[in-house]
Amino acid sequence: MADHEIVAEHDEDAAHLASLGYTYDTTFKREMSFWGNVSLGFTYLSPIAGVYSMFAISLGQAGPPMAWALVIALVGQFFVALVFGEVVSNYPVAGGVYPWSRRLWGRKWAWMNGWIYVVALVGTIAAVAYGAAPFVASVFGGVLDAGGTVLVALGTLVIATVLNFMGTRVLSLAATVGLIAELIGSVVIGGYLLLFGRQHDWSVLFDNQGIGDDAAGGYLGAFAAAALIGMFAYYGFEANGDVAEEIRNPSSRVPKAMRMTLYIGGFAANLLVFSLVLAVPDFAAVASGEVADPIGELLHQAFGPIFPLVMLVIVVAFISCITSLQAAASRLVYSMARDGFLPGSKALAKFNERRHVPHNALLTAGLFPAAVVALSLLLEDALTAMVGFGTVGIYVGFGMVVLAALRARILGWQPAGKFRLGAWAYPVNIIALVWGAVAVVNILWPRPTGGGWAEDYLLIMTSIAVVAVGWIYMLASKAYNRGEAPAGDASGPIRVPAAR
């Protein structure tokens, strides 16, 4: 791209941001490439983290057909991504769901969505860091106890924080490296297993092998529980919009990056899960718990001497996922602080002038997940509750944006970004809203765990508590009244001054 084109593009981006009430000066630098943005969303989505964390559980609940859950979730999330693409094209502001909700609905809606999403991201970052620890141990052929797991998880958080502190360009590079590691860890491994490790023919994907027949609600109930693997696998594309102020021409590129994230992520995740299912020699052994780590056994048998190297690739993918999650969380915290919505907003909105990153927001996005991980040594249920809320909170946050977009359309919003759904806007928006509601209900549905009613309803109680705390604080502090950023003014078109 010629220098004069870059300058013109920068001027247009700055003018668009100014029209939304923000001045682009010495804060973010637009140093992230299109593929860096795709990589950020892809590594946040992380097929490896999603599939590897949930595979044994889902296979044990519903047998081989559970693989189809990833196809269903991919289709549902694609409709959400289309809505998000239209919204971010109109409002390419750092922070994602919070500023979108603010413009589409209003201050209270934005506060609650931002609060729910921040808490969800803290739980998700903690979950991924904790889940990375066993793979780190596998690189060195070791096994970790609880204390060792916590220490390794904290170490991954430190690495991710350091990478984020080095600026947008390093973040983009780290995400690209993570993308390569993810593709090796999913496409290459999945392809190898499909070609050389397959133990069954394709018909097994329609045969539950008797697994889940005796579940509450019959096999449909078992499949619904196993379907959480798909719901856990396909969020992350919203991170493309979290860094909208760090990529040139975000109105056009971010919506495209969101879709590309799902195209590549969906292919990788589906290839991986279907190949793993077809390579498992004994489904009954996984369902009974006799084989607790079917993926580990498969990879050890398939790759033998280079098994530690395969584990290293997976570890790189996990760390890249944590880095992307932390970047998204820090931009959300910064965005809310910039508008004066958070306690200590002045400090959280500060920037490192050399690296052009919100350093205090980054520290917050590292310290709080670290606290959750460390607390697991004292209160195991605390980690379980936060990890569980990580998924449902993100889907609630998605749903709040989708609902706000539908409401804004009904009230006359005319999207004016470079990506618009046109005549498809209402059907896409409604399908996305219905899908999100079904996903939230499925995630929250209390299922027997064997630990009594308190454990069965832990996620519902945690969700109610998070919403209640946020609502009470919002009303008591009047936080939603702070700052002068526009709110509840969704309309169109936005007039962007022409670049000089």
Protein backbone atom coordinates (compact mmCIF):
# COMPACT_ATOMS: atom_id res chain seq x y z
CA MET A 1 0.00 0.00 0.00
CA ALA A 2 1.38 3.41 -0.98
CA ASP A 3 2.20 5.97 1.72
CA HIS A 4 -0.47 8.42 0.53
CA GLU A 5 -3.10 5.65 0.69
CA ILE A 6 -2.10 4.83 4.27
CA VAL A 7 -2.32 8.51 5.26
CA ALA A 8 -5.74 8.88 3.63
CA GLU A 9 -6.96 5.68 5.30
CA HIS A 10 -5.63 6.88 8.67
CA ASP A 11 -7.38 10.25 8.25
CA GLU A 12 -10.66 8.53 7.44
CA ASP A 13 -10.30 6.18 10.43
CA ALA A 14 -9.52 9.12 12.72
CA ALA A 15 -12.48 11.08 11.35
CA HIS A 16 -14.83 8.13 11.87
CA LEU A 17 -13.61 7.68 15.44
CA ALA A 18 -14.00 11.42 16.09
CA SER A 19 -17.58 11.25 14.79
CA LEU A 20 -18.23 8.63 17.47
CA GLY A 21 -16.95 10.93 20.21
CA TYR A 22 -13.32 9.77 20.56
CA THR A 23 -10.08 11.46 19.57
CA TYR A 24 -7.37 9.32 18.06
CA ASP A 25 -4.16 10.91 19.29
CA THR A 26 -1.36 9.27 21.27
CA THR A 27 -3.18 6.14 22.42
CA PHE A 28 -3.53 3.09 20.17
CA LYS A 29 -1.47 2.69 17.02
CA ARG A 30 -3.02 1.06 13.98
CA GLU A 31 -0.24 -1.50 13.61
CA MET A 32 -2.30 -4.68 13.39
CA SER A 33 -2.60 -6.23 9.95
CA PHE A 34 -5.74 -7.89 8.63
CA TRP A 35 -4.25 -11.35 9.17
CA GLY A 36 -3.00 -10.29 12.58
CA ASN A 37 -6.60 -9.44 13.41
CA VAL A 38 -7.80 -12.78 12.08
CA SER A 39 -5.08 -14.54 14.09
CA LEU A 40 -6.15 -12.72 17.25
CA GLY A 41 -9.74 -13.90 16.86
CA PHE A 42 -8.65 -17.41 15.85
CA THR A 43 -6.30 -17.89 18.81
CA TYR A 44 -8.97 -16.52 21.16
CA LEU A 45 -11.42 -19.02 19.64
CA SER A 46 -8.66 -21.65 19.90
CA PRO A 47 -9.90 -24.97 18.52
CA ILE A 48 -7.20 -26.71 20.55
CA ALA A 49 -8.24 -25.22 23.88
CA GLY A 50 -11.93 -25.75 23.19
CA VAL A 51 -11.79 -29.27 21.79
CA TYR A 52 -8.99 -30.66 23.97
CA SER A 53 -10.62 -29.36 27.16
CA MET A 54 -14.08 -30.79 26.47
CA PHE A 55 -13.55 -33.81 24.21
CA ALA A 56 -13.43 -36.59 26.82
CA ILE A 57 -16.41 -35.19 28.74
CA SER A 58 -18.61 -34.78 25.67
CA LEU A 59 -17.67 -38.14 24.17
CA GLY A 60 -18.41 -39.82 27.50
CA GLN A 61 -21.83 -38.17 27.67
CA ALA A 62 -23.21 -38.75 24.17
CA GLY A 63 -20.81 -40.98 22.25
CA PRO A 64 -19.56 -40.34 18.69
CA PRO A 65 -22.55 -38.25 17.46
CA MET A 66 -21.48 -35.49 19.84
CA ALA A 67 -19.16 -34.32 17.02
CA TRP A 68 -22.18 -32.87 15.21
CA ALA A 69 -22.58 -30.37 18.04
CA LEU A 70 -19.65 -28.42 16.59
CA VAL A 71 -21.41 -28.10 13.24
CA ILE A 72 -24.61 -26.85 14.91
CA ALA A 73 -22.76 -24.33 17.05
CA LEU A 74 -20.73 -23.07 14.09
CA VAL A 75 -23.89 -22.30 12.10
CA GLY A 76 -25.52 -20.56 15.07
CA GLN A 77 -22.46 -18.46 15.84
CA PHE A 78 -22.10 -17.46 12.21
CA PHE A 79 -25.41 -15.58 12.43
CA VAL A 80 -24.13 -13.83 15.57
CA ALA A 81 -20.91 -12.91 13.75
CA LEU A 82 -22.93 -11.34 10.93
CA VAL A 83 -24.80 -9.13 13.41
CA PHE A 84 -21.54 -8.23 15.16
CA GLY A 85 -19.93 -7.43 11.81
CA GLU A 86 -22.64 -4.93 10.95
CA VAL A 87 -22.47 -3.33 14.40
CA VAL A 88 -18.67 -3.02 14.54
CA SER A 89 -18.64 -1.64 11.01
CA ASN A 90 -20.83 1.18 12.28
CA TYR A 91 -19.04 1.52 15.65
CA PRO A 92 -15.35 0.48 15.28
CA VAL A 93 -14.44 1.37 18.88
CA ALA A 94 -12.09 -0.49 21.25
CA GLY A 95 -13.82 -2.73 23.77
CA GLY A 96 -16.37 -4.58 21.66
CA VAL A 97 -19.61 -5.47 23.40
CA TYR A 98 -19.54 -2.52 25.83
CA PRO A 99 -19.37 0.38 23.34
CA TRP A 100 -21.71 -1.44 20.94
CA SER A 101 -24.30 -1.86 23.70
CA ARG A 102 -23.82 1.75 24.76
CA ARG A 103 -24.63 3.14 21.34
CA LEU A 104 -27.36 0.64 20.46
CA TRP A 105 -29.31 0.77 23.74
CA GLY A 106 -27.93 3.03 26.45
CA ARG A 107 -25.78 3.51 29.52
CA LYS A 108 -27.34 0.99 31.94
CA TRP A 109 -27.44 -1.73 29.29
CA ALA A 110 -23.81 -1.01 28.43
CA TRP A 111 -22.71 -1.09 32.08
CA MET A 112 -24.34 -4.46 32.70
CA ASN A 113 -23.01 -5.97 29.48
CA GLY A 114 -19.52 -4.68 30.21
CA TRP A 115 -19.64 -5.97 33.79
CA ILE A 116 -20.91 -9.43 32.82
CA TYR A 117 -18.35 -9.71 30.05
CA VAL A 118 -15.41 -8.61 32.18
CA VAL A 119 -16.24 -11.23 34.81
CA ALA A 120 -16.73 -13.87 32.10
CA LEU A 121 -13.35 -13.09 30.57
CA VAL A 122 -11.64 -13.31 33.97
CA GLY A 123 -13.12 -16.81 34.38
CA THR A 124 -12.20 -17.81 30.82
CA ILE A 125 -8.59 -16.62 31.12
CA ALA A 126 -8.25 -18.51 34.41
CA ALA A 127 -9.75 -21.64 32.83
CA VAL A 128 -7.41 -21.64 29.83
CA ALA A 129 -4.34 -20.97 32.01
CA TYR A 130 -5.33 -23.80 34.35
CA GLY A 131 -6.05 -26.09 31.39
CA ALA A 132 -2.64 -25.37 29.83
CA ALA A 133 -0.70 -26.68 32.86
CA PRO A 134 -1.03 -30.45 32.16
CA PHE A 135 0.19 -29.95 28.58
CA VAL A 136 3.21 -28.01 29.86
CA ALA A 137 3.95 -30.93 32.18
CA SER A 138 3.62 -33.38 29.27
CA VAL A 139 6.38 -31.57 27.38
CA PHE A 140 8.75 -32.61 30.18
CA GLY A 141 7.12 -35.99 30.79
CA GLY A 142 5.85 -35.00 34.23
CA VAL A 143 2.60 -34.97 36.17
CA LEU A 144 1.51 -32.01 38.27
CA ASP A 145 -0.22 -31.90 41.63
CA ALA A 146 -2.62 -29.08 42.52
CA GLY A 147 0.14 -26.75 43.66
CA GLY A 148 2.24 -27.39 40.56
CA THR A 149 -0.75 -26.82 38.30
CA VAL A 150 -1.37 -23.43 39.90
CA LEU A 151 2.29 -22.40 39.56
CA VAL A 152 2.44 -23.36 35.89
CA ALA A 153 -0.88 -21.62 35.21
CA LEU A 154 0.46 -18.45 36.84
CA GLY A 155 3.59 -18.76 34.69
CA THR A 156 1.52 -18.81 31.49
CA LEU A 157 -0.30 -15.68 32.67
CA VAL A 158 3.02 -13.91 33.22
CA ILE A 159 4.20 -14.81 29.71
CA ALA A 160 0.93 -13.59 28.17
CA THR A 161 1.11 -10.32 30.12
CA VAL A 162 4.67 -9.65 29.01
CA LEU A 163 3.73 -10.27 25.36
CA ASN A 164 0.79 -7.89 25.65
CA PHE A 165 2.92 -5.21 27.28
CA MET A 166 5.19 -5.16 24.22
CA GLY A 167 2.55 -3.49 22.07
CA THR A 168 0.13 -4.08 19.21
CA ARG A 169 2.78 -5.21 16.72
CA VAL A 170 4.09 -7.90 19.09
CA LEU A 171 0.51 -8.90 19.93
CA SER A 172 -0.20 -9.30 16.22
CA LEU A 173 2.98 -11.38 15.78
CA ALA A 174 2.20 -13.54 18.84
CA ALA A 175 -1.30 -14.15 17.50
CA THR A 176 0.12 -15.14 14.11
CA VAL A 177 2.55 -17.60 15.74
CA GLY A 178 -0.41 -18.94 17.72
CA LEU A 179 -2.40 -19.33 14.52
CA ILE A 180 0.39 -21.43 13.01
CA ALA A 181 0.64 -23.55 16.17
CA GLU A 182 -3.15 -23.99 16.24
CA LEU A 183 -3.20 -25.10 12.61
CA ILE A 184 -0.40 -27.58 13.27
CA GLY A 185 -2.13 -28.79 16.42
CA SER A 186 -5.52 -29.18 14.80
CA VAL A 187 -5.29 -29.47 11.01
CA VAL A 188 -2.03 -31.41 10.81
CA ILE A 189 -2.79 -33.68 13.77
CA GLY A 190 -6.41 -34.06 12.70
CA GLY A 191 -5.44 -34.82 9.12
CA TYR A 192 -2.83 -37.37 10.20
CA LEU A 193 -5.29 -39.19 12.46
CA LEU A 194 -7.94 -39.15 9.76
CA LEU A 195 -5.58 -40.67 7.20
CA PHE A 196 -3.53 -43.04 9.34
CA GLY A 197 -5.18 -43.41 12.74
CA ARG A 198 -8.82 -44.09 11.89
CA GLN A 199 -10.31 -47.01 13.81
CA HIS A 200 -13.92 -46.78 12.58
CA ASP A 201 -15.86 -46.01 9.43
CA TRP A 202 -17.99 -42.87 9.10
CA SER A 203 -21.20 -44.61 10.15
CA VAL A 204 -20.04 -44.52 13.76
CA LEU A 205 -20.80 -40.79 13.78
CA PHE A 206 -24.50 -41.72 13.72
CA ASP A 207 -24.24 -44.45 16.37
CA ASN A 208 -24.06 -43.46 20.03
CA GLN A 209 -22.82 -46.94 21.01
CA GLY A 210 -25.42 -47.01 23.79
CA ILE A 211 -23.74 -44.05 25.52
CA GLY A 212 -26.24 -41.56 26.94
CA ASP A 213 -29.35 -43.71 26.55
CA ASP A 214 -29.94 -43.76 30.32
CA ALA A 215 -29.32 -40.02 30.84
CA ALA A 216 -31.98 -37.73 32.29
CA GLY A 217 -34.14 -36.73 29.32
CA GLY A 218 -32.93 -39.70 27.29
CA TYR A 219 -30.37 -39.37 24.54
CA LEU A 220 -31.57 -35.88 23.62
CA GLY A 221 -30.65 -34.73 27.12
CA ALA A 222 -27.26 -36.43 26.82
CA PHE A 223 -26.58 -34.79 23.47
CA ALA A 224 -27.60 -31.38 24.83
CA ALA A 225 -25.08 -31.78 27.65
CA ALA A 226 -22.37 -32.94 25.23
CA ALA A 227 -23.17 -30.03 22.90
CA LEU A 228 -21.37 -27.71 25.31
CA ILE A 229 -18.18 -28.63 23.44
CA GLY A 230 -19.51 -26.73 20.41
CA MET A 231 -20.65 -23.75 22.46
CA PHE A 232 -17.28 -23.62 24.19
CA ALA A 233 -15.42 -23.79 20.87
CA TYR A 234 -16.88 -20.92 18.86
CA TYR A 235 -16.51 -17.61 20.57
CA GLY A 236 -13.52 -15.40 19.97
CA PHE A 237 -14.55 -13.59 16.81
CA GLU A 238 -15.70 -10.66 18.97
CA ALA A 239 -12.02 -10.10 19.85
CA ASN A 240 -11.52 -8.88 16.27
CA GLY A 241 -13.69 -5.92 17.22
CA ASP A 242 -12.10 -5.39 20.64
CA VAL A 243 -9.00 -4.03 18.88
CA ALA A 244 -10.89 -2.02 16.24
CA GLU A 245 -8.79 1.06 17.02
CA GLU A 246 -5.59 -0.86 16.24
CA ILE A 247 -6.28 -1.87 12.65
CA ARG A 248 -6.62 0.36 9.59
CA ASN A 249 -10.00 0.61 7.87
CA PRO A 250 -11.77 -1.35 10.65
CA SER A 251 -15.24 -0.66 9.26
CA SER A 252 -14.42 -2.95 6.35
CA ARG A 253 -11.70 -5.25 7.66
CA VAL A 254 -13.00 -6.22 11.10
CA PRO A 255 -16.34 -7.70 9.85
CA LYS A 256 -14.39 -9.66 7.23
CA ALA A 257 -11.90 -10.82 9.90
CA MET A 258 -14.79 -12.02 12.09
CA ARG A 259 -16.14 -14.19 9.31
CA MET A 260 -12.67 -15.44 8.37
CA THR A 261 -12.05 -16.37 12.02
CA LEU A 262 -15.11 -18.62 11.95
CA TYR A 263 -14.27 -20.07 8.53
CA ILE A 264 -10.77 -21.13 9.57
CA GLY A 265 -11.67 -21.93 13.17
CA GLY A 266 -14.72 -23.93 12.15
CA PHE A 267 -12.74 -25.98 9.64
CA ALA A 268 -9.93 -26.65 12.13
CA ALA A 269 -12.21 -27.53 15.06
CA ASN A 270 -14.47 -29.82 13.02
CA LEU A 271 -11.55 -31.60 11.37
CA LEU A 272 -9.95 -32.13 14.76
CA VAL A 273 -13.01 -33.40 16.61
CA PHE A 274 -14.22 -35.69 13.81
CA SER A 275 -10.75 -37.20 13.34
CA LEU A 276 -10.37 -37.73 17.10
CA VAL A 277 -13.74 -39.48 17.34
CA LEU A 278 -12.88 -41.81 14.45
CA ALA A 279 -9.49 -42.61 16.03
CA VAL A 280 -10.73 -43.54 19.53
CA PRO A 281 -10.45 -47.32 19.76
CA ASP A 282 -12.85 -47.92 22.69
CA PHE A 283 -15.74 -45.53 23.28
CA ALA A 284 -17.04 -47.49 26.28
CA ALA A 285 -13.70 -47.08 28.06
CA VAL A 286 -13.95 -43.28 27.70
CA ALA A 287 -17.59 -43.25 28.87
CA SER A 288 -16.79 -45.36 31.94
CA GLY A 289 -13.81 -43.20 32.88
CA GLU A 290 -11.36 -46.06 32.39
CA VAL A 291 -9.59 -43.87 29.81
CA ALA A 292 -9.58 -40.39 31.34
CA ASP A 293 -7.40 -38.75 28.69
CA PRO A 294 -8.24 -40.25 25.28
CA ILE A 295 -6.51 -37.43 23.38
CA GLY A 296 -3.26 -37.89 25.28
CA GLU A 297 -3.28 -41.63 24.58
CA LEU A 298 -4.08 -41.12 20.90
CA LEU A 299 -1.32 -38.57 20.39
CA HIS A 300 1.21 -40.66 22.30
CA GLN A 301 0.45 -43.71 20.18
CA ALA A 302 0.38 -41.76 16.91
CA PHE A 303 3.47 -39.61 17.37
CA GLY A 304 5.62 -41.65 19.79
CA PRO A 305 9.15 -40.15 19.86
CA ILE A 306 8.00 -36.66 18.84
CA PHE A 307 5.16 -36.60 21.39
CA PRO A 308 6.88 -33.90 23.54
CA LEU A 309 7.24 -31.73 20.43
CA VAL A 310 3.53 -32.12 19.69
CA MET A 311 2.77 -31.13 23.29
CA LEU A 312 5.01 -28.08 22.88
CA VAL A 313 3.00 -26.96 19.86
CA ILE A 314 -0.17 -27.33 21.91
CA VAL A 315 1.37 -25.32 24.77
CA VAL A 316 2.24 -22.50 22.34
CA ALA A 317 -1.38 -22.54 21.17
CA PHE A 318 -2.64 -22.32 24.76
CA ILE A 319 -0.33 -19.39 25.62
CA SER A 320 -1.36 -17.59 22.45
CA CYS A 321 -5.00 -18.12 23.41
CA ILE A 322 -4.36 -16.61 26.86
CA THR A 323 -2.56 -13.66 25.26
CA SER A 324 -5.49 -12.95 22.93
CA LEU A 325 -8.03 -13.31 25.72
CA GLN A 326 -6.06 -10.93 27.90
CA ALA A 327 -5.75 -8.41 25.07
CA ALA A 328 -9.53 -8.48 24.57
CA ALA A 329 -10.19 -8.13 28.31
CA SER A 330 -7.78 -5.21 28.66
CA ARG A 331 -9.41 -3.32 25.77
CA LEU A 332 -12.82 -3.84 27.33
CA VAL A 333 -11.61 -2.59 30.74
CA TYR A 334 -9.89 0.35 29.06
CA SER A 335 -12.97 1.24 27.02
CA MET A 336 -15.20 1.31 30.11
CA ALA A 337 -12.57 3.25 32.08
CA ARG A 338 -12.12 5.78 29.27
CA ASP A 339 -15.84 6.55 29.59
CA GLY A 340 -15.51 6.81 33.39
CA PHE A 341 -17.65 3.73 34.08
CA LEU A 342 -15.31 1.80 36.42
CA PRO A 343 -13.89 2.31 39.90
CA GLY A 344 -10.44 3.79 39.41
CA SER A 345 -11.29 4.75 35.82
CA LYS A 346 -8.60 7.42 35.68
CA ALA A 347 -5.87 4.89 36.47
CA LEU A 348 -7.33 2.10 34.27
CA ALA A 349 -7.54 4.43 31.26
CA LYS A 350 -3.83 5.33 31.40
CA PHE A 351 -1.54 4.41 28.53
CA ASN A 352 2.06 3.40 28.22
CA GLU A 353 3.15 6.13 25.84
CA ARG A 354 6.06 4.06 24.53
CA ARG A 355 4.21 0.84 23.79
CA HIS A 356 0.78 2.38 23.17
CA VAL A 357 -1.03 -0.13 25.37
CA PRO A 358 -3.35 0.41 28.36
CA HIS A 359 -0.85 -0.92 30.90
CA ASN A 360 -3.03 -0.74 34.01
CA ALA A 361 -5.92 -2.42 32.21
CA LEU A 362 -3.51 -5.14 31.09
CA LEU A 363 -2.33 -5.68 34.66
CA THR A 364 -5.96 -5.96 35.76
CA ALA A 365 -6.58 -8.56 33.04
CA GLY A 366 -3.66 -10.57 34.40
CA LEU A 367 -3.99 -10.16 38.17
CA PHE A 368 -7.67 -11.05 38.53
CA PRO A 369 -7.44 -14.36 36.60
CA ALA A 370 -4.25 -15.10 38.60
CA ALA A 371 -6.22 -14.55 41.82
CA VAL A 372 -8.91 -16.99 40.65
CA VAL A 373 -6.28 -19.61 39.79
CA ALA A 374 -4.53 -19.17 43.16
CA LEU A 375 -7.83 -19.26 45.04
CA SER A 376 -8.48 -22.74 43.65
CA LEU A 377 -6.00 -24.09 46.20
CA LEU A 378 -8.32 -22.94 48.99
CA LEU A 379 -11.74 -23.03 47.35
CA GLU A 380 -12.02 -25.50 44.47
CA ASP A 381 -15.65 -24.53 43.88
CA ALA A 382 -14.58 -20.91 43.32
CA LEU A 383 -12.58 -21.91 40.24
CA THR A 384 -15.40 -24.19 39.05
CA ALA A 385 -17.93 -21.38 39.42
CA MET A 386 -15.79 -18.81 37.60
CA VAL A 387 -14.87 -21.20 34.80
CA GLY A 388 -18.52 -22.14 34.34
CA PHE A 389 -19.60 -18.52 34.26
CA GLY A 390 -16.90 -17.77 31.72
CA THR A 391 -18.89 -19.52 29.01
CA VAL A 392 -22.42 -18.50 29.97
CA GLY A 393 -21.35 -14.90 30.63
CA ILE A 394 -19.86 -14.59 27.17
CA TYR A 395 -23.05 -15.93 25.57
CA VAL A 396 -25.15 -13.56 27.67
CA GLY A 397 -22.90 -10.70 26.54
CA PHE A 398 -23.37 -11.77 22.93
CA GLY A 399 -27.12 -11.97 23.37
CA MET A 400 -27.30 -8.50 24.89
CA VAL A 401 -25.64 -7.02 21.80
CA VAL A 402 -27.85 -9.01 19.42
CA LEU A 403 -31.00 -7.96 21.32
CA ALA A 404 -29.84 -4.34 21.41
CA ALA A 405 -29.24 -4.41 17.65
CA LEU A 406 -32.74 -5.80 17.01
CA ARG A 407 -34.30 -3.17 19.29
CA ALA A 408 -32.33 -0.40 17.57
CA ARG A 409 -33.52 -1.59 14.15
CA ILE A 410 -37.12 -1.53 15.29
CA LEU A 411 -36.60 2.02 16.59
CA GLY A 412 -35.16 3.14 13.27
CA TRP A 413 -31.42 2.39 13.32
CA GLN A 414 -29.99 2.44 9.81
CA PRO A 415 -26.51 0.85 9.85
CA ALA A 416 -24.08 3.03 7.90
CA GLY A 417 -20.82 1.09 8.07
CA LYS A 418 -19.08 -0.49 5.12
CA PHE A 419 -20.59 -3.91 5.95
CA ARG A 420 -24.38 -4.04 5.99
CA LEU A 421 -26.84 -6.92 5.97
CA GLY A 422 -29.46 -5.04 3.99
CA ALA A 423 -32.67 -7.02 3.44
CA TRP A 424 -31.25 -9.93 5.46
CA ALA A 425 -30.85 -7.82 8.62
CA TYR A 426 -34.05 -8.83 10.42
CA PRO A 427 -33.99 -12.58 9.70
CA VAL A 428 -30.28 -12.83 10.56
CA ASN A 429 -30.77 -10.81 13.75
CA ILE A 430 -33.75 -12.89 14.89
CA ILE A 431 -32.03 -16.23 14.17
CA ALA A 432 -28.95 -15.04 16.08
CA LEU A 433 -31.12 -14.02 19.04
CA VAL A 434 -32.98 -17.35 19.15
CA TRP A 435 -29.73 -19.31 18.86
CA GLY A 436 -28.17 -17.31 21.69
CA ALA A 437 -31.16 -17.86 23.96
CA VAL A 438 -31.11 -21.62 23.31
CA ALA A 439 -27.36 -21.71 24.02
CA VAL A 440 -27.69 -19.83 27.33
CA VAL A 441 -30.53 -22.09 28.50
CA ASN A 442 -28.53 -25.20 27.57
CA ILE A 443 -25.41 -23.99 29.36
CA LEU A 444 -27.35 -23.04 32.50
CA TRP A 445 -29.55 -26.15 32.59
CA PRO A 446 -28.93 -27.93 35.93
CA ARG A 447 -27.64 -31.45 35.34
CA PRO A 448 -26.95 -34.15 37.95
CA THR A 449 -23.29 -34.11 38.99
CA GLY A 450 -23.46 -36.43 41.97
CA GLY A 451 -22.44 -33.60 44.28
CA GLY A 452 -25.91 -32.63 45.51
CA TRP A 453 -28.26 -29.81 44.53
CA ALA A 454 -25.79 -27.05 45.42
CA GLU A 455 -23.29 -28.34 42.87
CA ASP A 456 -26.02 -29.00 40.29
CA TYR A 457 -27.28 -25.41 40.55
CA LEU A 458 -23.87 -23.77 41.10
CA LEU A 459 -23.73 -22.14 37.67
CA ILE A 460 -27.24 -20.69 37.98
CA MET A 461 -26.45 -19.31 41.43
CA THR A 462 -23.14 -17.89 40.24
CA SER A 463 -24.82 -16.19 37.27
CA ILE A 464 -27.51 -14.66 39.47
CA ALA A 465 -24.86 -13.45 41.91
CA VAL A 466 -22.73 -11.83 39.19
CA VAL A 467 -25.74 -10.03 37.68
CA ALA A 468 -27.01 -8.96 41.11
CA VAL A 469 -23.65 -7.55 42.23
CA GLY A 470 -23.27 -5.61 38.99
CA TRP A 471 -26.82 -4.28 39.13
CA ILE A 472 -26.58 -3.21 42.77
CA TYR A 473 -23.21 -1.51 42.25
CA MET A 474 -24.49 0.26 39.14
CA LEU A 475 -27.52 1.68 40.96
CA ALA A 476 -25.65 2.53 44.16
CA SER A 477 -22.68 4.20 42.47
CA LYS A 478 -24.56 5.73 39.52
CA ALA A 479 -21.57 4.59 37.47
CA TYR A 480 -23.65 4.62 34.30
CA ASN A 481 -24.03 8.41 34.58
CA ARG A 482 -20.31 9.10 34.40
CA GLY A 483 -18.48 10.32 31.34
CA GLU A 484 -19.72 12.18 28.31
CA ALA A 485 -19.45 9.53 25.60
CA PRO A 486 -22.62 9.24 23.47
CA ALA A 487 -25.15 6.57 24.44
CA GLY A 488 -28.43 5.20 23.12
CA ASP A 489 -28.16 7.25 19.93
CA ALA A 490 -28.00 4.51 17.31
CA SER A 491 -29.09 6.03 14.08
CA GLY A 492 -27.79 6.41 10.59
CA PRO A 493 -26.03 7.38 8.63
CA ILE A 494 -22.88 8.50 10.44
CA ARG A 495 -21.26 11.24 8.42
CA VAL A 496 -17.52 10.75 8.21
CA PRO A 497 -15.60 13.75 6.86
CA ALA A 498 -13.73 12.96 3.67
CA ALA A 499 -9.99 12.45 4.03
CA ARG A 500 -7.90 15.37 2.84
